Amino acid sequence: MARRKRRGRPIDGILLLDKPQGAGSNTVLQRVKHLYRAAKAGHTGSLDPLATGLLPICFGEATKFSRYMLDADKAYETTVCLGANSDTGDLDGELVQQSDASGLQASAIEATVAAFLGEQMQKPPIYSALKHKGERLYDLARQGIEVDVPERPITVHSIALRAIRLGDECQLQTEPCLHSAEIDIEMRVSKGTYVRSIARDIGESLGVGAFVGALRRTEVAPFTLQRSVPLAQIEDAVQSAHCEARADEELFAELDAKLVPIDEALGHLPLVTLDDDSGFYLSRGNPVQVSGAPLNGQVRIALGSGRFLGIGEIDDNGCVAPRRLVAG
């Protein structure tokens, strides 16, 4: 049976999207894919519907390298609500009042938050996309099935308390309003870290309960939120083009100008530059000898012209062996 031809434009690159609140990551992905009329697209790590901020979306050949962004450090700004718990760990869940937090001392909050700096073991929330015996944890949670989620090693590279609001100073509105204090925190964390779990554990340490009231991702290394594009900006561009009856080519040129090159996501890897002959040989799956290459580890590979070829690895013979290459 012949393979079905993939529909859509064969575009390559990364869109640094500022995800809006209220939509799931996959919903946003499908919307962006439709707006770009892209043949292939994928995101690089989910954000909960409550969360906003940086969601890199990979098009075409960039999807081959998405795991490098999945594995990257990430930074967040969050508001943690104290004095109540949530079954999901955030404002979208069912809230249960636990203890009045309005009398907490600032010094106790500061010391508790600071204690989360560094390497540690973390238990992911039951409402997560992790799997247990082939089933998503959030599916099991919705069925009322209890699972002992194993702890995982994470690293909090930095964590800073930016504001404390007690009692009537609280800004987030919930119905009913069950929390009695709020703290604003900025943090930079390793892959696999759940901010909801950090909030939960802060509440447990203070003895008052806690959940995430607001969350914004500001970095997926090496990309920052300052370079991101709001979804509304893309939707407006498409709508304007249709209203003005502009040619598709003009619209797509405008949209594609918002993409960043694939290799920008791989700047942490040493660069190896090949001449055209070596590049051709490597593209056929053969290792090549390169003077001045690192002694070991992965490298990103480009031609002298600057064209990105992919990722290679130094083999036992000191040659650069292809590991993940772009097509063409």
C-alpha atoms as a PDB file:
ATOM      1  CA  MET A   1       0.000   0.000   0.000  1.00  0.00           C
ATOM      2  CA  ALA A   2       1.379   3.404  -0.967  1.00  0.00           C
ATOM      3  CA  ARG A   3       2.109   5.823   1.855  1.00  0.00           C
ATOM      4  CA  ARG A   4      -0.394   8.645   2.125  1.00  0.00           C
ATOM      5  CA  LYS A   5       1.125  11.952   1.123  1.00  0.00           C
ATOM      6  CA  ARG A   6       1.450  14.381   4.011  1.00  0.00           C
ATOM      7  CA  ARG A   7      -0.633  17.498   3.507  1.00  0.00           C
ATOM      8  CA  GLY A   8       0.585  20.985   4.291  1.00  0.00           C
ATOM      9  CA  ARG A   9       3.649  23.112   3.734  1.00  0.00           C
ATOM     10  CA  PRO A  10       7.071  21.524   4.278  1.00  0.00           C
ATOM     11  CA  ILE A  11       8.425  24.276   6.546  1.00  0.00           C
ATOM     12  CA  ASP A  12      11.291  23.884   9.018  1.00  0.00           C
ATOM     13  CA  GLY A  13      12.043  25.968  12.094  1.00  0.00           C
ATOM     14  CA  ILE A  14      10.951  26.789  15.632  1.00  0.00           C
ATOM     15  CA  LEU A  15       8.180  29.158  16.674  1.00  0.00           C
ATOM     16  CA  LEU A  16       8.677  30.613  20.151  1.00  0.00           C
ATOM     17  CA  LEU A  17       5.027  30.871  21.095  1.00  0.00           C
ATOM     18  CA  ASP A  18       3.607  32.721  24.094  1.00  0.00           C
ATOM     19  CA  LYS A  19       0.820  30.311  25.057  1.00  0.00           C
ATOM     20  CA  PRO A  20      -2.395  31.943  26.265  1.00  0.00           C
ATOM     21  CA  GLN A  21      -4.147  30.905  29.456  1.00  0.00           C
ATOM     22  CA  GLY A  22      -7.012  28.429  29.313  1.00  0.00           C
ATOM     23  CA  ALA A  23      -5.887  26.285  26.386  1.00  0.00           C
ATOM     24  CA  GLY A  24      -4.022  22.994  26.511  1.00  0.00           C
ATOM     25  CA  SER A  25      -0.650  22.685  24.798  1.00  0.00           C
ATOM     26  CA  ASN A  26      -1.905  20.251  22.169  1.00  0.00           C
ATOM     27  CA  THR A  27      -4.905  22.447  21.372  1.00  0.00           C
ATOM     28  CA  VAL A  28      -2.582  25.395  20.815  1.00  0.00           C
ATOM     29  CA  LEU A  29      -0.225  23.232  18.752  1.00  0.00           C
ATOM     30  CA  GLN A  30      -3.005  22.150  16.400  1.00  0.00           C
ATOM     31  CA  ARG A  31      -4.195  25.745  16.062  1.00  0.00           C
ATOM     32  CA  VAL A  32      -0.727  26.994  15.135  1.00  0.00           C
ATOM     33  CA  LYS A  33      -0.177  24.096  12.740  1.00  0.00           C
ATOM     34  CA  HIS A  34      -3.442  25.017  11.009  1.00  0.00           C
ATOM     35  CA  LEU A  35      -2.573  28.728  10.817  1.00  0.00           C
ATOM     36  CA  TYR A  36       0.825  27.937   9.296  1.00  0.00           C
ATOM     37  CA  ARG A  37      -0.659  25.170   7.138  1.00  0.00           C
ATOM     38  CA  ALA A  38       2.328  23.115   8.200  1.00  0.00           C
ATOM     39  CA  ALA A  39       2.789  19.496   7.197  1.00  0.00           C
ATOM     40  CA  LYS A  40       4.404  18.510  10.483  1.00  0.00           C
ATOM     41  CA  ALA A  41       4.574  20.135  13.902  1.00  0.00           C
ATOM     42  CA  GLY A  42       5.149  19.252  17.542  1.00  0.00           C
ATOM     43  CA  HIS A  43       5.685  21.051  20.846  1.00  0.00           C
ATOM     44  CA  THR A  44       8.549  20.639  23.277  1.00  0.00           C
ATOM     45  CA  GLY A  45       6.968  20.049  26.651  1.00  0.00           C
ATOM     46  CA  SER A  46       3.421  20.623  27.831  1.00  0.00           C
ATOM     47  CA  LEU A  47       2.119  23.599  29.751  1.00  0.00           C
ATOM     48  CA  ASP A  48      -1.023  23.140  31.829  1.00  0.00           C
ATOM     49  CA  PRO A  49      -4.121  25.041  30.620  1.00  0.00           C
ATOM     50  CA  LEU A  50      -3.724  27.442  33.569  1.00  0.00           C
ATOM     51  CA  ALA A  51      -0.172  28.312  32.536  1.00  0.00           C
ATOM     52  CA  THR A  52       0.996  30.904  30.050  1.00  0.00           C
ATOM     53  CA  GLY A  53       4.355  31.598  28.509  1.00  0.00           C
ATOM     54  CA  LEU A  54       7.016  30.075  26.352  1.00  0.00           C
ATOM     55  CA  LEU A  55       5.991  27.011  24.346  1.00  0.00           C
ATOM     56  CA  PRO A  56       8.467  26.271  21.533  1.00  0.00           C
ATOM     57  CA  ILE A  57       6.720  24.675  18.563  1.00  0.00           C
ATOM     58  CA  CYS A  58       8.839  22.731  16.088  1.00  0.00           C
ATOM     59  CA  PHE A  59       7.979  22.521  12.407  1.00  0.00           C
ATOM     60  CA  GLY A  60       9.223  19.926   9.931  1.00  0.00           C
ATOM     61  CA  GLU A  61      12.834  18.875  10.450  1.00  0.00           C
ATOM     62  CA  ALA A  62      12.954  20.709  13.781  1.00  0.00           C
ATOM     63  CA  THR A  63      10.794  17.957  15.305  1.00  0.00           C
ATOM     64  CA  LYS A  64      13.819  15.648  15.065  1.00  0.00           C
ATOM     65  CA  PHE A  65      15.571  17.781  17.683  1.00  0.00           C
ATOM     66  CA  SER A  66      12.670  18.541  20.033  1.00  0.00           C
ATOM     67  CA  ARG A  67      14.024  16.301  22.787  1.00  0.00           C
ATOM     68  CA  TYR A  68      16.913  18.715  23.314  1.00  0.00           C
ATOM     69  CA  MET A  69      14.384  21.339  24.384  1.00  0.00           C
ATOM     70  CA  LEU A  70      12.462  18.775  26.417  1.00  0.00           C
ATOM     71  CA  ASP A  71      15.707  18.121  28.299  1.00  0.00           C
ATOM     72  CA  ALA A  72      16.560  21.824  28.706  1.00  0.00           C
ATOM     73  CA  ASP A  73      16.426  23.835  31.920  1.00  0.00           C
ATOM     74  CA  LYS A  74      13.297  25.955  32.278  1.00  0.00           C
ATOM     75  CA  ALA A  75      12.391  29.107  34.200  1.00  0.00           C
ATOM     76  CA  TYR A  76       9.044  30.084  35.702  1.00  0.00           C
ATOM     77  CA  GLU A  77       7.225  32.853  37.513  1.00  0.00           C
ATOM     78  CA  THR A  78       4.474  31.563  39.769  1.00  0.00           C
ATOM     79  CA  THR A  79       1.991  32.734  42.361  1.00  0.00           C
ATOM     80  CA  VAL A  80       1.521  30.138  45.101  1.00  0.00           C
ATOM     81  CA  CYS A  81      -1.684  30.354  47.138  1.00  0.00           C
ATOM     82  CA  LEU A  82      -1.322  29.351  50.797  1.00  0.00           C
ATOM     83  CA  GLY A  83      -4.010  28.090  53.141  1.00  0.00           C
ATOM     84  CA  ALA A  84      -5.782  25.602  50.870  1.00  0.00           C
ATOM     85  CA  ASN A  85      -5.096  22.510  48.786  1.00  0.00           C
ATOM     86  CA  SER A  86      -6.165  21.508  45.272  1.00  0.00           C
ATOM     87  CA  ASP A  87      -6.634  17.973  43.976  1.00  0.00           C
ATOM     88  CA  THR A  88      -4.827  18.953  40.755  1.00  0.00           C
ATOM     89  CA  GLY A  89      -2.258  21.139  42.497  1.00  0.00           C
ATOM     90  CA  ASP A  90      -3.480  24.321  40.827  1.00  0.00           C
ATOM     91  CA  LEU A  91      -6.361  26.751  40.592  1.00  0.00           C
ATOM     92  CA  ASP A  92      -8.197  24.560  38.065  1.00  0.00           C
ATOM     93  CA  GLY A  93      -8.760  21.798  40.603  1.00  0.00           C
ATOM     94  CA  GLU A  94     -11.189  21.308  43.469  1.00  0.00           C
ATOM     95  CA  LEU A  95     -10.066  23.512  46.346  1.00  0.00           C
ATOM     96  CA  VAL A  96     -10.225  22.448  49.984  1.00  0.00           C
ATOM     97  CA  GLN A  97      -9.425  24.869  52.787  1.00  0.00           C
ATOM     98  CA  GLN A  98      -6.779  23.601  55.166  1.00  0.00           C
ATOM     99  CA  SER A  99      -5.424  26.226  57.551  1.00  0.00           C
ATOM    100  CA  ASP A 100      -5.334  30.000  57.930  1.00  0.00           C
ATOM    101  CA  ALA A 101      -2.060  31.250  56.458  1.00  0.00           C
ATOM    102  CA  SER A 102      -2.586  34.968  57.043  1.00  0.00           C
ATOM    103  CA  GLY A 103      -0.592  34.858  60.274  1.00  0.00           C
ATOM    104  CA  LEU A 104       2.549  33.344  58.754  1.00  0.00           C
ATOM    105  CA  GLN A 105       5.777  35.194  59.457  1.00  0.00           C
ATOM    106  CA  ALA A 106       7.717  36.495  56.462  1.00  0.00           C
ATOM    107  CA  SER A 107      10.912  34.993  57.863  1.00  0.00           C
ATOM    108  CA  ALA A 108       9.330  31.524  57.953  1.00  0.00           C
ATOM    109  CA  ILE A 109       8.129  31.837  54.361  1.00  0.00           C
ATOM    110  CA  GLU A 110      11.530  33.097  53.193  1.00  0.00           C
ATOM    111  CA  ALA A 111      13.389  30.245  54.895  1.00  0.00           C
ATOM    112  CA  THR A 112      10.988  27.631  53.547  1.00  0.00           C
ATOM    113  CA  VAL A 113      11.256  28.834  49.950  1.00  0.00           C
ATOM    114  CA  ALA A 114      15.058  29.099  50.156  1.00  0.00           C
ATOM    115  CA  ALA A 115      15.268  25.484  51.371  1.00  0.00           C
ATOM    116  CA  PHE A 116      14.114  24.247  47.957  1.00  0.00           C
ATOM    117  CA  LEU A 117      17.346  25.351  46.264  1.00  0.00           C
ATOM    118  CA  GLY A 118      19.538  22.558  44.895  1.00  0.00           C
ATOM    119  CA  GLU A 119      19.313  18.858  44.090  1.00  0.00           C
ATOM    120  CA  GLN A 120      16.385  16.974  45.598  1.00  0.00           C
ATOM    121  CA  MET A 121      13.850  14.207  45.124  1.00  0.00           C
ATOM    122  CA  GLN A 122      10.383  15.262  44.000  1.00  0.00           C
ATOM    123  CA  LYS A 123       7.090  13.377  43.820  1.00  0.00           C
ATOM    124  CA  PRO A 124       5.187  14.399  40.663  1.00  0.00           C
ATOM    125  CA  PRO A 125       1.512  15.310  41.062  1.00  0.00           C
ATOM    126  CA  ILE A 126      -1.046  12.584  40.405  1.00  0.00           C
ATOM    127  CA  TYR A 127      -2.636  14.869  37.813  1.00  0.00           C
ATOM    128  CA  SER A 128       0.213  14.642  35.309  1.00  0.00           C
ATOM    129  CA  ALA A 129       0.926  13.103  31.910  1.00  0.00           C
ATOM    130  CA  LEU A 130       3.360  10.572  33.358  1.00  0.00           C
ATOM    131  CA  LYS A 131       2.415   6.942  32.847  1.00  0.00           C
ATOM    132  CA  HIS A 132       1.812   4.094  35.285  1.00  0.00           C
ATOM    133  CA  LYS A 133       1.592   0.647  33.686  1.00  0.00           C
ATOM    134  CA  GLY A 134       0.813   2.244  30.339  1.00  0.00           C
ATOM    135  CA  GLU A 135      -1.898   4.626  31.564  1.00  0.00           C
ATOM    136  CA  ARG A 136      -1.655   8.382  32.093  1.00  0.00           C
ATOM    137  CA  LEU A 137      -1.679   9.337  35.755  1.00  0.00           C
ATOM    138  CA  TYR A 138      -4.370  11.964  35.206  1.00  0.00           C
ATOM    139  CA  ASP A 139      -6.645   9.310  33.679  1.00  0.00           C
ATOM    140  CA  LEU A 140      -6.167   7.109  36.738  1.00  0.00           C
ATOM    141  CA  ALA A 141      -6.793  10.079  39.040  1.00  0.00           C
ATOM    142  CA  ARG A 142     -10.071  10.887  37.293  1.00  0.00           C
ATOM    143  CA  GLN A 143     -11.162   7.278  37.837  1.00  0.00           C
ATOM    144  CA  GLY A 144     -10.393   7.588  41.537  1.00  0.00           C
ATOM    145  CA  ILE A 145      -7.544   5.069  41.317  1.00  0.00           C
ATOM    146  CA  GLU A 146      -4.790   5.811  43.819  1.00  0.00           C
ATOM    147  CA  VAL A 147      -1.207   5.360  42.645  1.00  0.00           C
ATOM    148  CA  ASP A 148       1.971   5.738  44.674  1.00  0.00           C
ATOM    149  CA  VAL A 149       3.917   7.990  42.318  1.00  0.00           C
ATOM    150  CA  PRO A 150       7.662   7.393  42.738  1.00  0.00           C
ATOM    151  CA  GLU A 151       9.956  10.313  43.479  1.00  0.00           C
ATOM    152  CA  ARG A 152      12.363  11.560  40.820  1.00  0.00           C
ATOM    153  CA  PRO A 153      15.608  13.537  41.070  1.00  0.00           C
ATOM    154  CA  ILE A 154      15.367  17.200  40.079  1.00  0.00           C
ATOM    155  CA  THR A 155      17.469  20.316  40.528  1.00  0.00           C
ATOM    156  CA  VAL A 156      16.272  23.785  41.434  1.00  0.00           C
ATOM    157  CA  HIS A 157      19.095  25.931  40.069  1.00  0.00           C
ATOM    158  CA  SER A 158      17.709  29.164  41.520  1.00  0.00           C
ATOM    159  CA  ILE A 159      14.631  30.184  43.483  1.00  0.00           C
ATOM    160  CA  ALA A 160      13.693  33.664  44.662  1.00  0.00           C
ATOM    161  CA  LEU A 161      10.765  34.944  46.705  1.00  0.00           C
ATOM    162  CA  ARG A 162       9.517  38.164  45.094  1.00  0.00           C
ATOM    163  CA  ALA A 163       6.414  39.077  47.103  1.00  0.00           C
ATOM    164  CA  ILE A 164       4.288  38.054  50.093  1.00  0.00           C
ATOM    165  CA  ARG A 165       0.612  39.005  50.383  1.00  0.00           C
ATOM    166  CA  LEU A 166      -1.343  38.122  53.510  1.00  0.00           C
ATOM    167  CA  GLY A 167      -5.084  38.212  54.152  1.00  0.00           C
ATOM    168  CA  ASP A 168      -6.818  41.108  52.403  1.00  0.00           C
ATOM    169  CA  GLU A 169      -3.692  41.779  50.326  1.00  0.00           C
ATOM    170  CA  CYS A 170      -4.355  38.654  48.222  1.00  0.00           C
ATOM    171  CA  GLN A 171      -4.940  39.431  44.543  1.00  0.00           C
ATOM    172  CA  LEU A 172      -6.146  36.169  42.981  1.00  0.00           C
ATOM    173  CA  GLN A 173      -9.891  35.716  43.044  1.00  0.00           C
ATOM    174  CA  THR A 174     -11.299  32.219  43.564  1.00  0.00           C
ATOM    175  CA  GLU A 175     -14.882  31.120  44.129  1.00  0.00           C
ATOM    176  CA  PRO A 176     -15.090  30.408  46.962  1.00  0.00           C
ATOM    177  CA  CYS A 177     -11.960  32.217  48.199  1.00  0.00           C
ATOM    178  CA  LEU A 178     -10.293  29.618  50.409  1.00  0.00           C
ATOM    179  CA  HIS A 179      -6.652  30.706  50.446  1.00  0.00           C
ATOM    180  CA  SER A 180      -5.428  33.339  52.890  1.00  0.00           C
ATOM    181  CA  ALA A 181      -1.946  34.213  51.617  1.00  0.00           C
ATOM    182  CA  GLU A 182      -0.043  34.427  48.329  1.00  0.00           C
ATOM    183  CA  ILE A 183       3.633  34.374  47.458  1.00  0.00           C
ATOM    184  CA  ASP A 184       5.273  35.207  44.139  1.00  0.00           C
ATOM    185  CA  ILE A 185       8.276  33.058  43.258  1.00  0.00           C
ATOM    186  CA  GLU A 186      10.746  32.948  40.376  1.00  0.00           C
ATOM    187  CA  MET A 187      12.692  29.747  39.765  1.00  0.00           C
ATOM    188  CA  ARG A 188      14.981  28.057  37.273  1.00  0.00           C
ATOM    189  CA  VAL A 189      14.754  24.274  37.294  1.00  0.00           C
ATOM    190  CA  SER A 190      15.925  21.116  35.570  1.00  0.00           C
ATOM    191  CA  LYS A 191      13.866  19.003  33.204  1.00  0.00           C
ATOM    192  CA  GLY A 192      11.036  17.038  34.750  1.00  0.00           C
ATOM    193  CA  THR A 193      10.417  19.517  37.564  1.00  0.00           C
ATOM    194  CA  TYR A 194       6.787  20.161  38.483  1.00  0.00           C
ATOM    195  CA  VAL A 195       6.091  23.632  39.850  1.00  0.00           C
ATOM    196  CA  ARG A 196       2.815  22.284  41.258  1.00  0.00           C
ATOM    197  CA  SER A 197       4.816  19.832  43.357  1.00  0.00           C
ATOM    198  CA  ILE A 198       7.098  22.581  44.635  1.00  0.00           C
ATOM    199  CA  ALA A 199       4.026  24.616  45.627  1.00  0.00           C
ATOM    200  CA  ARG A 200       2.483  21.582  47.343  1.00  0.00           C
ATOM    201  CA  ASP A 201       5.675  20.873  49.259  1.00  0.00           C
ATOM    202  CA  ILE A 202       6.052  24.514  50.334  1.00  0.00           C
ATOM    203  CA  GLY A 203       2.542  24.344  51.769  1.00  0.00           C
ATOM    204  CA  GLU A 204       3.321  21.104  53.578  1.00  0.00           C
ATOM    205  CA  SER A 205       6.512  22.588  55.030  1.00  0.00           C
ATOM    206  CA  LEU A 206       4.567  25.596  56.322  1.00  0.00           C
ATOM    207  CA  GLY A 207       1.698  23.414  57.549  1.00  0.00           C
ATOM    208  CA  VAL A 208      -1.006  25.355  55.702  1.00  0.00           C
ATOM    209  CA  GLY A 209      -1.468  23.698  52.297  1.00  0.00           C
ATOM    210  CA  ALA A 210      -0.737  25.347  48.957  1.00  0.00           C
ATOM    211  CA  PHE A 211      -1.521  25.284  45.252  1.00  0.00           C
ATOM    212  CA  VAL A 212      -0.423  27.109  42.101  1.00  0.00           C
ATOM    213  CA  GLY A 213      -2.637  30.100  41.399  1.00  0.00           C
ATOM    214  CA  ALA A 214      -0.766  31.440  38.384  1.00  0.00           C
ATOM    215  CA  LEU A 215       2.152  30.167  36.317  1.00  0.00           C
ATOM    216  CA  ARG A 216       4.184  31.663  33.499  1.00  0.00           C
ATOM    217  CA  ARG A 217       7.126  29.969  31.772  1.00  0.00           C
ATOM    218  CA  THR A 218       9.786  32.522  30.943  1.00  0.00           C
ATOM    219  CA  GLU A 219      12.577  30.349  29.549  1.00  0.00           C
ATOM    220  CA  VAL A 220      13.220  27.075  27.763  1.00  0.00           C
ATOM    221  CA  ALA A 221      16.983  27.202  27.470  1.00  0.00           C
ATOM    222  CA  PRO A 222      18.402  28.796  25.435  1.00  0.00           C
ATOM    223  CA  PHE A 223      15.206  30.650  24.475  1.00  0.00           C
ATOM    224  CA  THR A 224      13.554  33.353  26.579  1.00  0.00           C
ATOM    225  CA  LEU A 225      10.061  34.788  26.658  1.00  0.00           C
ATOM    226  CA  GLN A 226      11.307  38.131  25.300  1.00  0.00           C
ATOM    227  CA  ARG A 227      11.594  36.534  21.855  1.00  0.00           C
ATOM    228  CA  SER A 228       8.182  34.895  21.923  1.00  0.00           C
ATOM    229  CA  VAL A 229       5.195  35.587  19.676  1.00  0.00           C
ATOM    230  CA  PRO A 230       1.648  35.729  21.127  1.00  0.00           C
ATOM    231  CA  LEU A 231      -0.867  33.408  19.487  1.00  0.00           C
ATOM    232  CA  ALA A 232      -3.164  36.390  18.897  1.00  0.00           C
ATOM    233  CA  GLN A 233      -0.473  38.045  16.775  1.00  0.00           C
ATOM    234  CA  ILE A 234      -0.388  35.061  14.419  1.00  0.00           C
ATOM    235  CA  GLU A 235      -4.177  34.863  14.281  1.00  0.00           C
ATOM    236  CA  ASP A 236      -4.392  38.594  13.524  1.00  0.00           C
ATOM    237  CA  ALA A 237      -1.847  38.276  10.708  1.00  0.00           C
ATOM    238  CA  VAL A 238      -3.832  35.481   9.071  1.00  0.00           C
ATOM    239  CA  GLN A 239      -7.134  37.311   9.522  1.00  0.00           C
ATOM    240  CA  SER A 240      -5.721  40.541   8.059  1.00  0.00           C
ATOM    241  CA  ALA A 241      -4.308  38.690   5.065  1.00  0.00           C
ATOM    242  CA  HIS A 242      -7.701  37.150   4.350  1.00  0.00           C
ATOM    243  CA  CYS A 243      -9.542  40.470   4.730  1.00  0.00           C
ATOM    244  CA  GLU A 244      -7.065  42.187   2.411  1.00  0.00           C
ATOM    245  CA  ALA A 245      -7.120  39.268  -0.049  1.00  0.00           C
ATOM    246  CA  ARG A 246      -3.336  39.041   0.089  1.00  0.00           C
ATOM    247  CA  ALA A 247      -1.583  36.200  -1.709  1.00  0.00           C
ATOM    248  CA  ASP A 248      -0.696  33.136   0.355  1.00  0.00           C
ATOM    249  CA  GLU A 249       2.965  33.609  -0.520  1.00  0.00           C
ATOM    250  CA  GLU A 250       2.984  37.024   1.137  1.00  0.00           C
ATOM    251  CA  LEU A 251       1.241  35.741   4.266  1.00  0.00           C
ATOM    252  CA  PHE A 252       3.530  32.745   4.610  1.00  0.00           C
ATOM    253  CA  ALA A 253       6.602  34.936   4.191  1.00  0.00           C
ATOM    254  CA  GLU A 254       5.339  37.054   7.105  1.00  0.00           C
ATOM    255  CA  LEU A 255       4.619  34.017   9.277  1.00  0.00           C
ATOM    256  CA  ASP A 256       7.840  32.189   8.446  1.00  0.00           C
ATOM    257  CA  ALA A 257       9.859  35.278   9.383  1.00  0.00           C
ATOM    258  CA  LYS A 258       8.784  34.622  12.985  1.00  0.00           C
ATOM    259  CA  LEU A 259      10.594  31.256  13.071  1.00  0.00           C
ATOM    260  CA  VAL A 260      14.073  30.751  14.494  1.00  0.00           C
ATOM    261  CA  PRO A 261      16.587  28.341  12.915  1.00  0.00           C
ATOM    262  CA  ILE A 262      16.771  24.790  14.234  1.00  0.00           C
ATOM    263  CA  ASP A 263      20.402  25.013  15.303  1.00  0.00           C
ATOM    264  CA  GLU A 264      19.688  27.861  17.745  1.00  0.00           C
ATOM    265  CA  ALA A 265      18.218  25.241  20.065  1.00  0.00           C
ATOM    266  CA  LEU A 266      21.535  23.380  20.044  1.00  0.00           C
ATOM    267  CA  GLY A 267      23.945  26.176  20.896  1.00  0.00           C
ATOM    268  CA  HIS A 268      25.129  24.295  23.986  1.00  0.00           C
ATOM    269  CA  LEU A 269      26.809  21.702  21.726  1.00  0.00           C
ATOM    270  CA  PRO A 270      30.282  22.331  20.250  1.00  0.00           C
ATOM    271  CA  LEU A 271      30.221  23.290  16.576  1.00  0.00           C
ATOM    272  CA  VAL A 272      32.049  21.200  13.983  1.00  0.00           C
ATOM    273  CA  THR A 273      32.360  22.664  10.485  1.00  0.00           C
ATOM    274  CA  LEU A 274      32.765  20.388   7.463  1.00  0.00           C
ATOM    275  CA  ASP A 275      33.784  21.013   3.891  1.00  0.00           C
ATOM    276  CA  ASP A 276      31.330  20.020   1.175  1.00  0.00           C
ATOM    277  CA  ASP A 277      32.963  16.651   0.490  1.00  0.00           C
ATOM    278  CA  SER A 278      32.941  15.627   4.156  1.00  0.00           C
ATOM    279  CA  GLY A 279      29.387  16.898   4.480  1.00  0.00           C
ATOM    280  CA  PHE A 280      28.283  14.749   1.557  1.00  0.00           C
ATOM    281  CA  TYR A 281      30.031  11.696   3.010  1.00  0.00           C
ATOM    282  CA  LEU A 282      28.466  12.287   6.445  1.00  0.00           C
ATOM    283  CA  SER A 283      24.998  12.761   4.950  1.00  0.00           C
ATOM    284  CA  ARG A 284      25.263   9.231   3.567  1.00  0.00           C
ATOM    285  CA  GLY A 285      25.658   7.874   7.087  1.00  0.00           C
ATOM    286  CA  ASN A 286      29.451   7.678   7.200  1.00  0.00           C
ATOM    287  CA  PRO A 287      31.707   8.980   9.995  1.00  0.00           C
ATOM    288  CA  VAL A 288      34.251  11.595   8.964  1.00  0.00           C
ATOM    289  CA  GLN A 289      37.598  12.698  10.359  1.00  0.00           C
ATOM    290  CA  VAL A 290      37.653  16.351  11.447  1.00  0.00           C
ATOM    291  CA  SER A 291      40.713  18.146  12.749  1.00  0.00           C
ATOM    292  CA  GLY A 292      40.120  20.105  15.938  1.00  0.00           C
ATOM    293  CA  ALA A 293      36.960  18.210  16.861  1.00  0.00           C
ATOM    294  CA  PRO A 294      36.252  17.513  20.559  1.00  0.00           C
ATOM    295  CA  LEU A 295      37.572  14.272  21.998  1.00  0.00           C
ATOM    296  CA  ASN A 296      34.126  12.951  22.885  1.00  0.00           C
ATOM    297  CA  GLY A 297      30.452  13.798  23.207  1.00  0.00           C
ATOM    298  CA  GLN A 298      27.865  15.207  20.868  1.00  0.00           C
ATOM    299  CA  VAL A 299      28.449  18.039  18.414  1.00  0.00           C
ATOM    300  CA  ARG A 300      26.349  20.121  16.082  1.00  0.00           C
ATOM    301  CA  ILE A 301      27.464  19.988  12.475  1.00  0.00           C
ATOM    302  CA  ALA A 302      27.398  22.628   9.766  1.00  0.00           C
ATOM    303  CA  LEU A 303      28.981  23.239   6.388  1.00  0.00           C
ATOM    304  CA  GLY A 304      31.406  26.068   5.775  1.00  0.00           C
ATOM    305  CA  SER A 305      28.515  27.985   4.218  1.00  0.00           C
ATOM    306  CA  GLY A 306      26.748  27.867   7.592  1.00  0.00           C
ATOM    307  CA  ARG A 307      24.080  25.373   6.532  1.00  0.00           C
ATOM    308  CA  PHE A 308      23.064  23.220   9.483  1.00  0.00           C
ATOM    309  CA  LEU A 309      23.403  19.464   8.906  1.00  0.00           C
ATOM    310  CA  GLY A 310      22.432  17.986  12.252  1.00  0.00           C
ATOM    311  CA  ILE A 311      23.964  16.362  15.308  1.00  0.00           C
ATOM    312  CA  GLY A 312      26.878  13.965  15.422  1.00  0.00           C
ATOM    313  CA  GLU A 313      28.887  12.165  18.055  1.00  0.00           C
ATOM    314  CA  ILE A 314      32.593  11.521  18.394  1.00  0.00           C
ATOM    315  CA  ASP A 315      33.116   7.777  17.961  1.00  0.00           C
ATOM    316  CA  ASP A 316      35.859   5.541  19.352  1.00  0.00           C
ATOM    317  CA  ASN A 317      38.108   6.388  16.399  1.00  0.00           C
ATOM    318  CA  GLY A 318      37.854  10.129  16.989  1.00  0.00           C
ATOM    319  CA  CYS A 319      35.612  10.610  13.953  1.00  0.00           C
ATOM    320  CA  VAL A 320      32.346  12.536  13.806  1.00  0.00           C
ATOM    321  CA  ALA A 321      29.564   9.999  13.304  1.00  0.00           C
ATOM    322  CA  PRO A 322      26.074  11.150  12.256  1.00  0.00           C
ATOM    323  CA  ARG A 323      23.351  10.756  14.872  1.00  0.00           C
ATOM    324  CA  ARG A 324      20.467  12.992  13.779  1.00  0.00           C
ATOM    325  CA  LEU A 325      20.559  14.805  10.444  1.00  0.00           C
ATOM    326  CA  VAL A 326      18.191  17.133   8.651  1.00  0.00           C
ATOM    327  CA  ALA A 327      16.850  15.970   5.305  1.00  0.00           C
ATOM    328  CA  GLY A 328      18.139  17.332   2.029  1.00  0.00           C
END
